[in-house]
Amino acid sequence: MAFGEIMQRFTWEILDANSWLLVENDCGLLFDPVDSSALYGAISGLKELLIVLTHCHFDHICGLNHIRNIRSDACVIATSACSERICRSSGNLSNIANVLMAFHKHNDRIEDIIDPFSCKAADRTFQKELDIEWQNHKLRLEEYNGHSRGGLCCEIDGSTLITGDTLLPIPTITRLPGGSTRAFWEEDMPRLTAMKERIKIVCPGHGEPGQIDEMLSINKR
């Protein structure tokens, strides 16, 4: 069974941003800590917690500060560029969150207003790629720069891909500050396309999990 079929999904409903949590042997592997009381409850009693940030944008790190408060033992992994950018509201885009949210259907309530915030740097950083083992599973983290400079995708045991906002069930956005249309088409898409034969399921930063072929087909020039 692919990991994407047993991962728990938690969503920050304001912008439909996903967290993905895998629990094995009472240890948690969490991708993108969103603001979710259900997520906070799910990770509170775990023996260990490893957090991976797919990119720096505020909607994917909006629960990070709270999780670090309740889980001071948690280890956060990110690319060097992502780690630097989460430390600044202008880097994580929370300084313009309300402008961005004005274009989203859920921004019709006063309680949806987001104040600019920053986070402490990641505990472990890397550039380009990083291979680690977690609970006897192989994780390969690779840097992707199309949607956001210093973003990453994580391949788990060669069958499941956590993509953040690099690959979604909608066309990938590259026009936000720090994004690169050139990097997406010339670097990201060829690498993602090369995974088609082995990746069984994609867990994206927004929307439902799905097949890599379907998500790649949405992103055609």
N, C-alpha and C. Protein backbone atom coordinates (compact mmCIF):
# COMPACT_ATOMS: atom_id res chain seq x y z
N MET A 1 0.84 -1.20 0.00
CA MET A 1 0.00 0.00 0.00
C MET A 1 0.88 1.25 0.00
N ALA A 2 0.59 2.22 -0.87
CA ALA A 2 1.35 3.47 -0.91
C ALA A 2 1.07 4.29 0.33
N PHE A 3 2.09 5.02 0.79
CA PHE A 3 1.93 5.81 1.98
C PHE A 3 0.80 6.81 1.86
N GLY A 4 0.58 7.33 0.67
CA GLY A 4 -0.47 8.32 0.48
C GLY A 4 -1.85 7.79 0.84
N GLU A 5 -2.00 6.47 0.85
CA GLU A 5 -3.30 5.87 1.17
C GLU A 5 -3.50 5.69 2.67
N ILE A 6 -2.44 5.81 3.48
CA ILE A 6 -2.58 5.65 4.91
C ILE A 6 -2.20 6.92 5.67
N MET A 7 -1.78 7.95 4.98
CA MET A 7 -1.45 9.21 5.63
C MET A 7 -2.72 9.92 6.10
N GLN A 8 -2.60 10.58 7.24
CA GLN A 8 -3.70 11.40 7.74
C GLN A 8 -3.57 12.80 7.14
N ARG A 9 -4.70 13.33 6.71
CA ARG A 9 -4.71 14.65 6.11
C ARG A 9 -5.43 15.63 7.03
N PHE A 10 -4.80 16.77 7.28
CA PHE A 10 -5.40 17.85 8.07
C PHE A 10 -5.36 19.11 7.22
N THR A 11 -6.43 19.88 7.26
CA THR A 11 -6.55 21.01 6.34
C THR A 11 -6.82 22.32 7.09
N TRP A 12 -6.08 23.34 6.72
CA TRP A 12 -6.36 24.71 7.17
C TRP A 12 -7.41 25.26 6.21
N GLU A 13 -8.63 25.34 6.67
CA GLU A 13 -9.76 25.57 5.76
C GLU A 13 -9.75 26.94 5.11
N ILE A 14 -9.08 27.92 5.70
CA ILE A 14 -9.10 29.26 5.13
C ILE A 14 -8.57 29.26 3.71
N LEU A 15 -7.49 28.50 3.48
CA LEU A 15 -6.93 28.41 2.13
C LEU A 15 -6.80 26.96 1.66
N ASP A 16 -7.52 26.05 2.30
CA ASP A 16 -7.51 24.64 1.91
C ASP A 16 -6.09 24.07 1.83
N ALA A 17 -5.22 24.48 2.76
CA ALA A 17 -3.84 24.00 2.77
C ALA A 17 -3.75 22.71 3.58
N ASN A 18 -3.01 21.75 3.05
CA ASN A 18 -2.92 20.42 3.66
C ASN A 18 -1.68 20.22 4.52
N SER A 19 -1.86 19.53 5.64
CA SER A 19 -0.78 18.86 6.35
C SER A 19 -0.96 17.36 6.10
N TRP A 20 0.15 16.65 5.99
CA TRP A 20 0.11 15.19 5.85
C TRP A 20 0.90 14.59 6.99
N LEU A 21 0.28 13.66 7.71
CA LEU A 21 0.90 13.05 8.88
C LEU A 21 0.92 11.54 8.73
N LEU A 22 2.10 10.96 8.89
CA LEU A 22 2.27 9.51 8.91
C LEU A 22 2.76 9.12 10.29
N VAL A 23 2.08 8.16 10.92
CA VAL A 23 2.46 7.70 12.25
C VAL A 23 2.82 6.22 12.19
N GLU A 24 4.03 5.91 12.66
CA GLU A 24 4.48 4.52 12.76
C GLU A 24 5.27 4.37 14.05
N ASN A 25 4.97 3.28 14.78
CA ASN A 25 5.67 3.00 16.04
C ASN A 25 5.62 4.19 17.00
N ASP A 26 4.48 4.87 17.00
CA ASP A 26 4.24 6.01 17.88
C ASP A 26 5.15 7.20 17.55
N CYS A 27 5.70 7.21 16.35
CA CYS A 27 6.52 8.33 15.88
C CYS A 27 5.81 8.99 14.70
N GLY A 28 5.92 10.31 14.60
CA GLY A 28 5.21 11.03 13.57
C GLY A 28 6.12 11.70 12.56
N LEU A 29 5.71 11.62 11.30
CA LEU A 29 6.37 12.33 10.20
C LEU A 29 5.33 13.28 9.64
N LEU A 30 5.56 14.58 9.80
CA LEU A 30 4.58 15.60 9.45
C LEU A 30 5.11 16.51 8.36
N PHE A 31 4.32 16.67 7.31
CA PHE A 31 4.65 17.59 6.23
C PHE A 31 3.74 18.81 6.31
N ASP A 32 4.34 19.98 6.42
CA ASP A 32 3.64 21.26 6.39
C ASP A 32 2.64 21.42 7.53
N PRO A 33 3.09 21.99 8.64
CA PRO A 33 2.24 22.13 9.83
C PRO A 33 1.24 23.28 9.70
N VAL A 34 0.01 22.96 9.35
CA VAL A 34 -1.03 23.99 9.23
C VAL A 34 -1.68 24.20 10.59
N ASP A 35 -2.49 25.25 10.68
CA ASP A 35 -3.20 25.58 11.92
C ASP A 35 -4.46 24.74 12.00
N SER A 36 -4.41 23.69 12.81
CA SER A 36 -5.53 22.76 12.91
C SER A 36 -5.55 22.14 14.31
N SER A 37 -6.65 22.35 15.04
CA SER A 37 -6.75 21.77 16.39
C SER A 37 -6.72 20.24 16.32
N ALA A 38 -7.28 19.67 15.26
CA ALA A 38 -7.25 18.22 15.10
C ALA A 38 -5.81 17.73 14.93
N LEU A 39 -5.01 18.47 14.17
CA LEU A 39 -3.60 18.11 14.00
C LEU A 39 -2.86 18.23 15.33
N TYR A 40 -3.09 19.30 16.07
CA TYR A 40 -2.41 19.48 17.35
C TYR A 40 -2.70 18.30 18.28
N GLY A 41 -3.94 17.85 18.28
CA GLY A 41 -4.29 16.71 19.11
C GLY A 41 -3.62 15.43 18.65
N ALA A 42 -3.50 15.27 17.33
CA ALA A 42 -2.92 14.04 16.78
C ALA A 42 -1.44 13.89 17.08
N ILE A 43 -0.72 15.02 17.20
CA ILE A 43 0.73 14.94 17.41
C ILE A 43 1.14 15.11 18.87
N SER A 44 0.20 15.48 19.72
CA SER A 44 0.55 15.85 21.10
C SER A 44 1.15 14.69 21.89
N GLY A 45 0.68 13.46 21.67
CA GLY A 45 1.15 12.34 22.47
C GLY A 45 2.17 11.45 21.81
N LEU A 46 2.67 11.85 20.64
CA LEU A 46 3.64 11.02 19.93
C LEU A 46 4.98 10.98 20.65
N LYS A 47 5.67 9.88 20.48
CA LYS A 47 6.98 9.71 21.11
C LYS A 47 8.03 10.62 20.46
N GLU A 48 7.98 10.74 19.14
CA GLU A 48 8.90 11.60 18.40
C GLU A 48 8.13 12.27 17.28
N LEU A 49 8.64 13.43 16.85
CA LEU A 49 7.98 14.15 15.75
C LEU A 49 9.03 14.78 14.84
N LEU A 50 8.98 14.41 13.58
CA LEU A 50 9.84 14.99 12.55
C LEU A 50 8.95 15.79 11.61
N ILE A 51 9.30 17.06 11.39
CA ILE A 51 8.51 17.96 10.55
C ILE A 51 9.33 18.33 9.32
N VAL A 52 8.71 18.20 8.15
CA VAL A 52 9.35 18.59 6.89
C VAL A 52 8.52 19.73 6.28
N LEU A 53 9.18 20.81 5.92
CA LEU A 53 8.52 21.95 5.27
C LEU A 53 8.73 21.86 3.77
N THR A 54 7.64 21.78 3.01
CA THR A 54 7.79 21.71 1.55
C THR A 54 8.13 23.07 0.96
N HIS A 55 7.71 24.15 1.61
CA HIS A 55 8.11 25.49 1.18
C HIS A 55 7.73 26.48 2.27
N CYS A 56 8.05 27.74 2.04
CA CYS A 56 8.02 28.74 3.12
C CYS A 56 6.70 29.47 3.27
N HIS A 57 5.73 29.32 2.40
CA HIS A 57 4.55 30.17 2.40
C HIS A 57 3.71 30.02 3.67
N PHE A 58 3.13 31.13 4.10
CA PHE A 58 2.45 31.20 5.39
C PHE A 58 1.36 30.16 5.58
N ASP A 59 0.66 29.80 4.50
CA ASP A 59 -0.44 28.85 4.67
C ASP A 59 0.04 27.43 4.92
N HIS A 60 1.33 27.19 4.73
CA HIS A 60 1.89 25.85 4.98
C HIS A 60 2.74 25.79 6.24
N ILE A 61 2.90 26.92 6.92
CA ILE A 61 3.65 26.93 8.18
C ILE A 61 2.86 27.62 9.29
N CYS A 62 1.56 27.86 9.06
CA CYS A 62 0.78 28.65 10.01
C CYS A 62 0.59 27.97 11.36
N GLY A 63 0.86 26.67 11.45
CA GLY A 63 0.78 25.99 12.73
C GLY A 63 2.13 25.68 13.35
N LEU A 64 3.20 26.09 12.69
CA LEU A 64 4.55 25.70 13.13
C LEU A 64 4.89 26.25 14.51
N ASN A 65 4.62 27.52 14.75
CA ASN A 65 4.97 28.10 16.05
C ASN A 65 4.23 27.41 17.19
N HIS A 66 2.95 27.13 17.00
CA HIS A 66 2.19 26.46 18.05
C HIS A 66 2.69 25.04 18.28
N ILE A 67 2.99 24.33 17.21
CA ILE A 67 3.49 22.97 17.37
C ILE A 67 4.83 22.96 18.09
N ARG A 68 5.67 23.93 17.78
CA ARG A 68 6.95 23.99 18.50
C ARG A 68 6.74 24.30 19.98
N ASN A 69 5.68 25.03 20.30
CA ASN A 69 5.39 25.32 21.70
C ASN A 69 4.94 24.07 22.45
N ILE A 70 4.13 23.25 21.80
CA ILE A 70 3.62 22.06 22.49
C ILE A 70 4.51 20.84 22.29
N ARG A 71 5.41 20.92 21.30
CA ARG A 71 6.35 19.83 21.03
C ARG A 71 7.74 20.41 20.85
N SER A 72 8.35 20.81 21.96
CA SER A 72 9.67 21.44 21.88
C SER A 72 10.74 20.48 21.38
N ASP A 73 10.43 19.18 21.37
CA ASP A 73 11.37 18.18 20.91
C ASP A 73 11.32 17.98 19.40
N ALA A 74 10.35 18.56 18.73
CA ALA A 74 10.18 18.34 17.29
C ALA A 74 11.39 18.84 16.51
N CYS A 75 11.79 18.08 15.50
CA CYS A 75 12.88 18.47 14.61
C CYS A 75 12.30 18.91 13.28
N VAL A 76 12.67 20.10 12.83
CA VAL A 76 12.16 20.67 11.59
C VAL A 76 13.24 20.64 10.52
N ILE A 77 12.90 20.07 9.36
CA ILE A 77 13.82 20.00 8.23
C ILE A 77 13.28 20.85 7.09
N ALA A 78 14.16 21.61 6.46
CA ALA A 78 13.79 22.43 5.31
C ALA A 78 15.03 22.70 4.49
N THR A 79 14.84 23.20 3.28
CA THR A 79 15.99 23.67 2.51
C THR A 79 16.54 24.92 3.17
N SER A 80 17.78 25.24 2.86
CA SER A 80 18.40 26.44 3.44
C SER A 80 17.62 27.70 3.07
N ALA A 81 17.17 27.78 1.83
CA ALA A 81 16.42 28.96 1.39
C ALA A 81 15.08 29.07 2.10
N CYS A 82 14.39 27.95 2.25
CA CYS A 82 13.11 27.94 2.96
C CYS A 82 13.31 28.34 4.41
N SER A 83 14.32 27.79 5.06
CA SER A 83 14.58 28.09 6.46
C SER A 83 14.81 29.58 6.67
N GLU A 84 15.53 30.20 5.76
CA GLU A 84 15.79 31.63 5.87
C GLU A 84 14.53 32.44 5.67
N ARG A 85 13.68 32.02 4.77
CA ARG A 85 12.50 32.81 4.41
C ARG A 85 11.38 32.71 5.45
N ILE A 86 11.29 31.60 6.18
CA ILE A 86 10.24 31.52 7.20
C ILE A 86 10.52 32.46 8.37
N CYS A 87 11.74 32.93 8.48
CA CYS A 87 12.11 33.82 9.58
C CYS A 87 11.65 35.26 9.37
N ARG A 88 11.13 35.56 8.19
CA ARG A 88 10.68 36.92 7.87
C ARG A 88 9.25 36.89 7.33
N SER A 89 8.43 37.82 7.77
CA SER A 89 7.06 37.88 7.26
C SER A 89 7.03 38.19 5.77
N SER A 90 8.03 38.92 5.29
CA SER A 90 8.10 39.19 3.85
C SER A 90 8.57 37.97 3.08
N GLY A 91 9.32 37.10 3.73
CA GLY A 91 9.78 35.87 3.10
C GLY A 91 8.71 34.81 3.04
N ASN A 92 7.91 34.68 4.12
CA ASN A 92 6.84 33.67 4.13
C ASN A 92 5.52 34.21 3.57
N LEU A 93 5.54 35.48 3.17
CA LEU A 93 4.41 36.17 2.53
C LEU A 93 3.24 36.45 3.47
N SER A 94 3.42 36.25 4.78
CA SER A 94 2.33 36.59 5.69
C SER A 94 2.09 38.09 5.75
N ASN A 95 3.10 38.90 5.33
CA ASN A 95 2.91 40.35 5.30
C ASN A 95 1.92 40.79 4.23
N ILE A 96 1.67 39.92 3.24
CA ILE A 96 0.67 40.24 2.21
C ILE A 96 -0.43 39.18 2.17
N ALA A 97 -0.56 38.44 3.27
CA ALA A 97 -1.53 37.35 3.31
C ALA A 97 -2.95 37.82 3.03
N ASN A 98 -3.35 38.95 3.59
CA ASN A 98 -4.72 39.40 3.42
C ASN A 98 -5.01 39.86 1.99
N VAL A 99 -3.97 40.36 1.33
CA VAL A 99 -4.14 40.72 -0.09
C VAL A 99 -4.34 39.46 -0.92
N LEU A 100 -3.50 38.45 -0.66
CA LEU A 100 -3.62 37.18 -1.38
C LEU A 100 -4.96 36.52 -1.09
N MET A 101 -5.39 36.57 0.14
CA MET A 101 -6.64 35.93 0.53
C MET A 101 -7.86 36.63 -0.03
N ALA A 102 -7.71 37.89 -0.41
CA ALA A 102 -8.82 38.63 -1.00
C ALA A 102 -9.29 37.99 -2.30
N PHE A 103 -8.42 37.21 -2.91
CA PHE A 103 -8.76 36.53 -4.16
C PHE A 103 -9.29 35.12 -3.91
N HIS A 104 -9.42 34.74 -2.63
CA HIS A 104 -9.85 33.39 -2.30
C HIS A 104 -11.26 33.41 -1.77
N LYS A 105 -12.04 32.43 -2.09
CA LYS A 105 -13.46 32.41 -1.76
C LYS A 105 -13.74 32.39 -0.27
N HIS A 106 -12.79 31.92 0.55
CA HIS A 106 -13.05 31.80 1.97
C HIS A 106 -12.75 33.09 2.74
N ASN A 107 -12.25 34.12 2.08
CA ASN A 107 -11.90 35.34 2.79
C ASN A 107 -13.08 36.28 2.87
N ASP A 108 -14.19 35.83 3.42
CA ASP A 108 -15.37 36.67 3.56
C ASP A 108 -15.79 36.84 5.01
N ARG A 109 -14.87 36.49 5.94
CA ARG A 109 -15.18 36.63 7.35
C ARG A 109 -14.06 37.41 8.02
N ILE A 110 -14.41 38.27 8.96
CA ILE A 110 -13.41 39.11 9.60
C ILE A 110 -12.37 38.28 10.35
N GLU A 111 -12.77 37.09 10.85
CA GLU A 111 -11.82 36.28 11.61
C GLU A 111 -10.75 35.65 10.74
N ASP A 112 -10.89 35.78 9.43
CA ASP A 112 -9.89 35.23 8.52
C ASP A 112 -8.67 36.13 8.34
N ILE A 113 -8.68 37.31 8.94
CA ILE A 113 -7.55 38.23 8.79
C ILE A 113 -6.30 37.62 9.43
N ILE A 114 -5.20 37.64 8.70
CA ILE A 114 -3.94 37.04 9.15
C ILE A 114 -2.94 38.15 9.47
N ASP A 115 -2.40 38.12 10.67
CA ASP A 115 -1.35 39.06 11.05
C ASP A 115 0.00 38.54 10.57
N PRO A 116 0.88 39.43 10.15
CA PRO A 116 2.23 38.99 9.75
C PRO A 116 2.91 38.25 10.90
N PHE A 117 3.65 37.19 10.57
CA PHE A 117 4.35 36.43 11.61
C PHE A 117 5.66 35.89 11.04
N SER A 118 6.50 35.42 11.93
CA SER A 118 7.76 34.79 11.55
C SER A 118 7.93 33.54 12.39
N CYS A 119 8.82 32.67 11.95
CA CYS A 119 9.12 31.43 12.65
C CYS A 119 10.63 31.31 12.86
N LYS A 120 11.00 30.55 13.84
CA LYS A 120 12.41 30.24 14.05
C LYS A 120 12.90 29.39 12.89
N ALA A 121 14.18 29.50 12.57
CA ALA A 121 14.77 28.73 11.47
C ALA A 121 14.63 27.24 11.72
N ALA A 122 14.73 26.47 10.65
CA ALA A 122 14.66 25.01 10.74
C ALA A 122 15.84 24.47 11.55
N ASP A 123 15.64 23.31 12.15
CA ASP A 123 16.69 22.68 12.94
C ASP A 123 17.75 22.01 12.07
N ARG A 124 17.33 21.58 10.89
CA ARG A 124 18.26 20.93 9.96
C ARG A 124 17.97 21.43 8.56
N THR A 125 18.99 21.87 7.86
CA THR A 125 18.80 22.40 6.51
C THR A 125 19.69 21.68 5.52
N PHE A 126 19.36 21.82 4.25
CA PHE A 126 20.16 21.22 3.19
C PHE A 126 19.97 22.03 1.92
N GLN A 127 20.81 21.76 0.95
CA GLN A 127 20.69 22.33 -0.38
C GLN A 127 20.66 21.19 -1.40
N LYS A 128 19.87 21.37 -2.41
CA LYS A 128 19.76 20.42 -3.53
C LYS A 128 19.03 19.14 -3.15
N GLU A 129 19.64 18.29 -2.31
CA GLU A 129 19.00 17.01 -2.00
C GLU A 129 19.49 16.47 -0.67
N LEU A 130 18.64 15.63 -0.07
CA LEU A 130 18.97 15.03 1.21
C LEU A 130 18.28 13.67 1.30
N ASP A 131 19.02 12.63 1.65
CA ASP A 131 18.47 11.30 1.87
C ASP A 131 18.50 11.00 3.36
N ILE A 132 17.37 10.59 3.91
CA ILE A 132 17.31 10.23 5.31
C ILE A 132 16.48 8.96 5.47
N GLU A 133 16.62 8.32 6.61
CA GLU A 133 15.79 7.16 6.94
C GLU A 133 14.89 7.52 8.11
N TRP A 134 13.64 7.09 8.02
CA TRP A 134 12.68 7.31 9.09
C TRP A 134 11.89 6.03 9.29
N GLN A 135 11.99 5.45 10.48
CA GLN A 135 11.28 4.22 10.80
C GLN A 135 11.49 3.15 9.71
N ASN A 136 12.73 3.01 9.28
CA ASN A 136 13.14 2.02 8.27
C ASN A 136 12.59 2.30 6.88
N HIS A 137 12.15 3.51 6.64
CA HIS A 137 11.70 3.93 5.32
C HIS A 137 12.68 4.97 4.77
N LYS A 138 12.84 4.94 3.46
CA LYS A 138 13.78 5.84 2.81
C LYS A 138 13.05 7.08 2.30
N LEU A 139 13.54 8.23 2.72
CA LEU A 139 12.99 9.51 2.28
C LEU A 139 14.05 10.23 1.46
N ARG A 140 13.66 10.68 0.29
CA ARG A 140 14.54 11.48 -0.55
C ARG A 140 13.92 12.86 -0.73
N LEU A 141 14.59 13.88 -0.21
CA LEU A 141 14.12 15.25 -0.31
C LEU A 141 14.93 15.96 -1.38
N GLU A 142 14.25 16.58 -2.33
CA GLU A 142 14.93 17.29 -3.40
C GLU A 142 14.36 18.70 -3.55
N GLU A 143 15.25 19.64 -3.79
CA GLU A 143 14.86 21.04 -3.91
C GLU A 143 14.19 21.32 -5.25
N TYR A 144 13.08 22.05 -5.20
CA TYR A 144 12.34 22.49 -6.39
C TYR A 144 12.08 23.98 -6.24
N ASN A 145 12.32 24.75 -7.30
CA ASN A 145 12.30 26.21 -7.17
C ASN A 145 11.25 26.93 -8.03
N GLY A 146 10.35 26.20 -8.66
CA GLY A 146 9.38 26.84 -9.53
C GLY A 146 8.32 27.61 -8.78
N HIS A 147 7.62 26.97 -7.86
CA HIS A 147 6.56 27.64 -7.10
C HIS A 147 7.15 28.61 -6.09
N SER A 148 8.22 28.20 -5.43
CA SER A 148 8.83 29.04 -4.40
C SER A 148 10.30 28.66 -4.27
N ARG A 149 11.17 29.64 -4.22
CA ARG A 149 12.59 29.35 -4.08
C ARG A 149 12.83 28.57 -2.79
N GLY A 150 13.52 27.44 -2.93
CA GLY A 150 13.79 26.61 -1.77
C GLY A 150 12.66 25.69 -1.38
N GLY A 151 11.74 25.44 -2.31
CA GLY A 151 10.71 24.44 -2.04
C GLY A 151 11.31 23.05 -2.17
N LEU A 152 10.54 22.04 -1.79
CA LEU A 152 11.02 20.67 -1.94
C LEU A 152 9.88 19.71 -2.21
N CYS A 153 10.22 18.58 -2.78
CA CYS A 153 9.33 17.42 -2.87
C CYS A 153 10.02 16.28 -2.14
N CYS A 154 9.22 15.43 -1.51
CA CYS A 154 9.77 14.29 -0.77
C CYS A 154 9.22 12.99 -1.32
N GLU A 155 10.12 12.13 -1.74
CA GLU A 155 9.75 10.81 -2.25
C GLU A 155 9.95 9.80 -1.12
N ILE A 156 8.90 9.03 -0.84
CA ILE A 156 8.95 8.05 0.25
C ILE A 156 8.95 6.65 -0.35
N ASP A 157 10.03 5.92 -0.10
CA ASP A 157 10.17 4.54 -0.58
C ASP A 157 9.89 4.39 -2.06
N GLY A 158 10.15 5.44 -2.82
CA GLY A 158 10.02 5.34 -4.27
C GLY A 158 8.61 5.15 -4.77
N SER A 159 7.58 5.42 -3.93
CA SER A 159 6.22 5.18 -4.39
C SER A 159 5.26 6.33 -4.10
N THR A 160 5.53 7.12 -3.07
CA THR A 160 4.67 8.23 -2.69
C THR A 160 5.46 9.53 -2.79
N LEU A 161 4.82 10.57 -3.31
CA LEU A 161 5.49 11.86 -3.48
C LEU A 161 4.69 12.95 -2.78
N ILE A 162 5.35 13.63 -1.85
CA ILE A 162 4.77 14.80 -1.18
C ILE A 162 5.26 16.02 -1.94
N THR A 163 4.34 16.80 -2.50
CA THR A 163 4.75 17.83 -3.45
C THR A 163 4.56 19.27 -2.99
N GLY A 164 3.92 19.50 -1.83
CA GLY A 164 3.63 20.87 -1.46
C GLY A 164 2.83 21.53 -2.57
N ASP A 165 3.27 22.72 -3.00
CA ASP A 165 2.57 23.42 -4.09
C ASP A 165 3.31 23.30 -5.42
N THR A 166 4.34 22.46 -5.48
CA THR A 166 5.07 22.28 -6.73
C THR A 166 4.23 21.54 -7.75
N LEU A 167 3.42 20.59 -7.30
CA LEU A 167 2.53 19.85 -8.20
C LEU A 167 1.19 19.66 -7.50
N LEU A 168 0.13 20.15 -8.14
CA LEU A 168 -1.20 20.19 -7.55
C LEU A 168 -2.24 19.67 -8.54
N PRO A 169 -3.47 19.48 -8.08
CA PRO A 169 -4.55 19.14 -9.00
C PRO A 169 -5.09 20.35 -9.75
N ILE A 170 -4.35 21.47 -9.68
CA ILE A 170 -4.62 22.68 -10.46
C ILE A 170 -3.28 23.15 -11.02
N PRO A 171 -3.28 24.03 -12.01
CA PRO A 171 -1.99 24.51 -12.54
C PRO A 171 -1.12 25.14 -11.46
N THR A 172 0.15 24.82 -11.47
CA THR A 172 1.09 25.35 -10.48
C THR A 172 1.28 26.85 -10.67
N ILE A 173 1.22 27.58 -9.56
CA ILE A 173 1.43 29.03 -9.59
C ILE A 173 2.91 29.33 -9.43
N THR A 174 3.46 30.11 -10.33
CA THR A 174 4.88 30.46 -10.28
C THR A 174 5.10 31.97 -10.19
N ARG A 175 4.02 32.76 -10.16
CA ARG A 175 4.16 34.21 -10.22
C ARG A 175 4.23 34.88 -8.85
N LEU A 176 4.13 34.12 -7.75
CA LEU A 176 4.28 34.72 -6.44
C LEU A 176 5.74 35.12 -6.20
N PRO A 177 5.98 36.08 -5.29
CA PRO A 177 7.38 36.46 -5.00
C PRO A 177 8.22 35.23 -4.64
N GLY A 178 9.37 35.11 -5.29
CA GLY A 178 10.26 33.97 -5.05
C GLY A 178 10.04 32.81 -6.00
N GLY A 179 8.95 32.83 -6.76
CA GLY A 179 8.70 31.77 -7.73
C GLY A 179 9.46 32.02 -9.03
N SER A 180 9.50 30.99 -9.87
CA SER A 180 10.23 31.11 -11.14
C SER A 180 9.55 30.25 -12.19
N THR A 181 8.95 30.89 -13.18
CA THR A 181 8.32 30.16 -14.27
C THR A 181 9.36 29.36 -15.04
N ARG A 182 10.54 29.96 -15.25
CA ARG A 182 11.61 29.27 -15.97
C ARG A 182 12.03 28.00 -15.23
N ALA A 183 12.24 28.12 -13.93
CA ALA A 183 12.66 26.96 -13.15
C ALA A 183 11.59 25.86 -13.17
N PHE A 184 10.34 26.25 -13.14
CA PHE A 184 9.27 25.24 -13.14
C PHE A 184 9.28 24.44 -14.43
N TRP A 185 9.34 25.13 -15.58
CA TRP A 185 9.24 24.42 -16.86
C TRP A 185 10.54 23.75 -17.26
N GLU A 186 11.67 24.36 -16.95
CA GLU A 186 12.94 23.83 -17.42
C GLU A 186 13.59 22.85 -16.43
N GLU A 187 13.24 22.95 -15.15
CA GLU A 187 13.89 22.10 -14.15
C GLU A 187 12.89 21.19 -13.43
N ASP A 188 11.82 21.78 -12.90
CA ASP A 188 10.88 21.00 -12.09
C ASP A 188 10.10 19.98 -12.91
N MET A 189 9.48 20.41 -13.98
CA MET A 189 8.61 19.52 -14.75
C MET A 189 9.35 18.33 -15.35
N PRO A 190 10.55 18.49 -15.91
CA PRO A 190 11.26 17.31 -16.42
C PRO A 190 11.56 16.29 -15.32
N ARG A 191 11.92 16.74 -14.14
CA ARG A 191 12.22 15.82 -13.04
C ARG A 191 10.95 15.11 -12.56
N LEU A 192 9.85 15.85 -12.48
CA LEU A 192 8.60 15.24 -12.06
C LEU A 192 8.11 14.22 -13.09
N THR A 193 8.24 14.58 -14.35
CA THR A 193 7.80 13.69 -15.42
C THR A 193 8.59 12.38 -15.40
N ALA A 194 9.85 12.46 -15.04
CA ALA A 194 10.70 11.26 -15.00
C ALA A 194 10.29 10.29 -13.90
N MET A 195 9.44 10.73 -12.97
CA MET A 195 8.99 9.87 -11.87
C MET A 195 7.74 9.07 -12.19
N LYS A 196 7.16 9.29 -13.35
CA LYS A 196 5.84 8.73 -13.65
C LYS A 196 5.75 7.22 -13.50
N GLU A 197 6.82 6.52 -13.81
CA GLU A 197 6.77 5.06 -13.79
C GLU A 197 6.79 4.47 -12.39
N ARG A 198 7.31 5.22 -11.41
CA ARG A 198 7.43 4.63 -10.07
C ARG A 198 6.50 5.24 -9.02
N ILE A 199 6.09 6.48 -9.18
CA ILE A 199 5.25 7.11 -8.17
C ILE A 199 3.81 6.62 -8.29
N LYS A 200 3.27 6.10 -7.20
CA LYS A 200 1.92 5.54 -7.19
C LYS A 200 0.88 6.59 -6.80
N ILE A 201 1.26 7.51 -5.94
CA ILE A 201 0.29 8.50 -5.47
C ILE A 201 1.02 9.78 -5.08
N VAL A 202 0.36 10.91 -5.31
CA VAL A 202 0.88 12.23 -4.96
C VAL A 202 0.01 12.83 -3.87
N CYS A 203 0.65 13.34 -2.82
CA CYS A 203 -0.04 14.06 -1.76
C CYS A 203 0.32 15.54 -1.90
N PRO A 204 -0.59 16.36 -2.43
CA PRO A 204 -0.28 17.75 -2.72
C PRO A 204 -0.54 18.69 -1.54
N GLY A 205 -0.09 19.93 -1.68
CA GLY A 205 -0.29 20.93 -0.64
C GLY A 205 -1.70 21.46 -0.56
N HIS A 206 -2.47 21.30 -1.63
CA HIS A 206 -3.88 21.68 -1.66
C HIS A 206 -4.63 20.60 -2.43
N GLY A 207 -5.84 20.30 -2.03
CA GLY A 207 -6.65 19.34 -2.76
C GLY A 207 -6.41 17.90 -2.34
N GLU A 208 -7.07 17.01 -3.06
CA GLU A 208 -7.05 15.59 -2.74
C GLU A 208 -5.79 14.91 -3.29
N PRO A 209 -5.37 13.81 -2.66
CA PRO A 209 -4.28 13.02 -3.24
C PRO A 209 -4.72 12.43 -4.57
N GLY A 210 -3.76 12.16 -5.44
CA GLY A 210 -4.12 11.65 -6.75
C GLY A 210 -2.95 11.06 -7.50
N GLN A 211 -3.17 10.79 -8.76
CA GLN A 211 -2.17 10.18 -9.62
C GLN A 211 -1.26 11.24 -10.23
N ILE A 212 0.02 10.91 -10.35
CA ILE A 212 0.97 11.88 -10.88
C ILE A 212 0.67 12.22 -12.34
N ASP A 213 0.22 11.23 -13.12
CA ASP A 213 -0.12 11.50 -14.53
C ASP A 213 -1.18 12.58 -14.65
N GLU A 214 -2.19 12.48 -13.81
CA GLU A 214 -3.30 13.44 -13.88
C GLU A 214 -2.84 14.85 -13.53
N MET A 215 -2.00 14.97 -12.50
CA MET A 215 -1.52 16.28 -12.10
C MET A 215 -0.53 16.87 -13.11
N LEU A 216 0.30 16.01 -13.68
CA LEU A 216 1.22 16.50 -14.73
C LEU A 216 0.45 16.97 -15.95
N SER A 217 -0.64 16.28 -16.29
CA SER A 217 -1.40 16.64 -17.48
C SER A 217 -2.06 18.00 -17.35
N ILE A 218 -2.33 18.42 -16.11
CA ILE A 218 -2.92 19.75 -15.87
C ILE A 218 -1.90 20.85 -16.17
N ASN A 219 -0.63 20.53 -15.99
CA ASN A 219 0.43 21.51 -16.22
C ASN A 219 1.05 21.28 -17.59
N LYS A 220 0.37 21.75 -18.61
CA LYS A 220 0.91 21.69 -19.95
C LYS A 220 0.96 23.08 -20.54
N ARG A 221 2.07 23.37 -21.23
CA ARG A 221 2.22 24.69 -21.82
C ARG A 221 1.20 24.92 -22.90
